[in-house]
Amino acid sequence: MKTMLIETGGNVKTTVFLFTDTQIKVEGQVEDINNLLNTGEIPNIFGPEDKGDICEKIRPVAKLEQKA
C-alpha cells in the first residue's frame, strides 16, 4: 500500500487499485483499504522521514498547479 500511494501521489493520471479476496494475505490489509476509502488516508503508514521525502517529490507539482 505504501509503495502504491507514493507512486500515484504526484501522478496526474487516473489510477485504479483492483484486488480480489484471494489476494488478501493479512486481515490488516482490509482495514487499511477501508481506512483509505473512508478517510483518504491510512493512519501511521508514513514515518517522519517518508513525509519529508514525499514533500520534496510533490513540491514541483504543487508549484505548477499553483501557477495554473
C-alpha atoms as a PDB file:
ATOM      1  CA  MET A   1       0.000   0.000   0.000  1.00  0.00           C
ATOM      2  CA  LYS A   2       2.799   2.358   0.893  1.00  0.00           C
ATOM      3  CA  THR A   3       4.507   1.907  -2.486  1.00  0.00           C
ATOM      4  CA  MET A   4       1.237   2.374  -4.358  1.00  0.00           C
ATOM      5  CA  LEU A   5       0.451   5.603  -2.517  1.00  0.00           C
ATOM      6  CA  ILE A   6       3.924   7.015  -3.173  1.00  0.00           C
ATOM      7  CA  GLU A   7       3.889   6.097  -6.862  1.00  0.00           C
ATOM      8  CA  THR A   8       0.420   7.509  -7.511  1.00  0.00           C
ATOM      9  CA  GLY A   9       0.572  10.535  -5.223  1.00  0.00           C
ATOM     10  CA  GLY A  10       2.138  13.001  -7.648  1.00  0.00           C
ATOM     11  CA  ASN A  11       0.749  11.289 -10.709  1.00  0.00           C
ATOM     12  CA  VAL A  12      -1.691  13.301 -12.789  1.00  0.00           C
ATOM     13  CA  LYS A  13      -3.099  10.208 -14.490  1.00  0.00           C
ATOM     14  CA  THR A  14      -6.059   8.260 -13.165  1.00  0.00           C
ATOM     15  CA  THR A  15      -5.069   5.189 -11.175  1.00  0.00           C
ATOM     16  CA  VAL A  16      -7.150   2.113 -10.413  1.00  0.00           C
ATOM     17  CA  PHE A  17      -6.484  -0.132  -7.436  1.00  0.00           C
ATOM     18  CA  LEU A  18      -8.083  -3.504  -8.048  1.00  0.00           C
ATOM     19  CA  PHE A  19      -7.797  -6.531  -5.795  1.00  0.00           C
ATOM     20  CA  THR A  20      -9.722  -9.723  -5.164  1.00  0.00           C
ATOM     21  CA  ASP A  21     -10.424 -11.602  -1.962  1.00  0.00           C
ATOM     22  CA  THR A  22      -7.804 -14.195  -2.917  1.00  0.00           C
ATOM     23  CA  GLN A  23      -5.105 -11.517  -2.786  1.00  0.00           C
ATOM     24  CA  ILE A  24      -5.717 -10.727   0.880  1.00  0.00           C
ATOM     25  CA  LYS A  25      -2.844 -12.283   2.805  1.00  0.00           C
ATOM     26  CA  VAL A  26      -3.237 -10.389   6.087  1.00  0.00           C
ATOM     27  CA  GLU A  27      -6.554  -9.187   7.527  1.00  0.00           C
ATOM     28  CA  GLY A  28      -4.905  -5.835   8.289  1.00  0.00           C
ATOM     29  CA  GLN A  29      -4.860  -5.144   4.552  1.00  0.00           C
ATOM     30  CA  VAL A  30      -8.656  -4.971   4.528  1.00  0.00           C
ATOM     31  CA  GLU A  31      -8.609  -2.492   7.398  1.00  0.00           C
ATOM     32  CA  ASP A  32      -6.011  -0.350   5.591  1.00  0.00           C
ATOM     33  CA  ILE A  33      -8.089  -0.315   2.407  1.00  0.00           C
ATOM     34  CA  ASN A  34     -11.199   0.509   4.416  1.00  0.00           C
ATOM     35  CA  ASN A  35      -9.437   3.450   6.080  1.00  0.00           C
ATOM     36  CA  LEU A  36      -8.171   4.684   2.716  1.00  0.00           C
ATOM     37  CA  LEU A  37     -11.645   4.576   1.204  1.00  0.00           C
ATOM     38  CA  ASN A  38     -13.377   6.152   4.214  1.00  0.00           C
ATOM     39  CA  THR A  39     -10.902   8.832   5.270  1.00  0.00           C
ATOM     40  CA  GLY A  40      -8.454   9.144   2.370  1.00  0.00           C
ATOM     41  CA  GLU A  41      -5.510   8.031   4.486  1.00  0.00           C
ATOM     42  CA  ILE A  42      -4.007   5.074   6.293  1.00  0.00           C
ATOM     43  CA  PRO A  43      -3.006   6.023   9.842  1.00  0.00           C
ATOM     44  CA  ASN A  44       0.719   5.856  10.601  1.00  0.00           C
ATOM     45  CA  ILE A  45       1.695   4.401   7.217  1.00  0.00           C
ATOM     46  CA  PHE A  46       4.419   7.015   6.704  1.00  0.00           C
ATOM     47  CA  GLY A  47       7.133   7.872   9.190  1.00  0.00           C
ATOM     48  CA  PRO A  48       8.652  11.362   9.539  1.00  0.00           C
ATOM     49  CA  GLU A  49      11.480  10.563   7.113  1.00  0.00           C
ATOM     50  CA  ASP A  50       8.984   9.354   4.498  1.00  0.00           C
ATOM     51  CA  LYS A  51       6.905  12.510   4.844  1.00  0.00           C
ATOM     52  CA  GLY A  52       9.933  14.709   4.138  1.00  0.00           C
ATOM     53  CA  ASP A  53      10.784  12.720   1.012  1.00  0.00           C
ATOM     54  CA  ILE A  54       7.191  12.907  -0.201  1.00  0.00           C
ATOM     55  CA  CYS A  55       7.063  16.669   0.318  1.00  0.00           C
ATOM     56  CA  GLU A  56      10.233  17.116  -1.726  1.00  0.00           C
ATOM     57  CA  LYS A  57       8.857  14.990  -4.571  1.00  0.00           C
ATOM     58  CA  ILE A  58       5.480  16.738  -4.704  1.00  0.00           C
ATOM     59  CA  ARG A  59       6.733  20.318  -4.301  1.00  0.00           C
ATOM     60  CA  PRO A  60       7.409  20.903  -8.058  1.00  0.00           C
ATOM     61  CA  VAL A  61       3.987  19.510  -8.990  1.00  0.00           C
ATOM     62  CA  ALA A  62       2.284  21.713  -6.391  1.00  0.00           C
ATOM     63  CA  LYS A  63       4.093  24.814  -7.694  1.00  0.00           C
ATOM     64  CA  LEU A  64       2.907  24.074 -11.224  1.00  0.00           C
ATOM     65  CA  GLU A  65      -0.658  23.636 -10.006  1.00  0.00           C
ATOM     66  CA  GLN A  66      -0.473  26.901  -8.081  1.00  0.00           C
ATOM     67  CA  LYS A  67       0.509  28.787 -11.243  1.00  0.00           C
ATOM     68  CA  ALA A  68      -2.367  27.296 -13.260  1.00  0.00           C
END
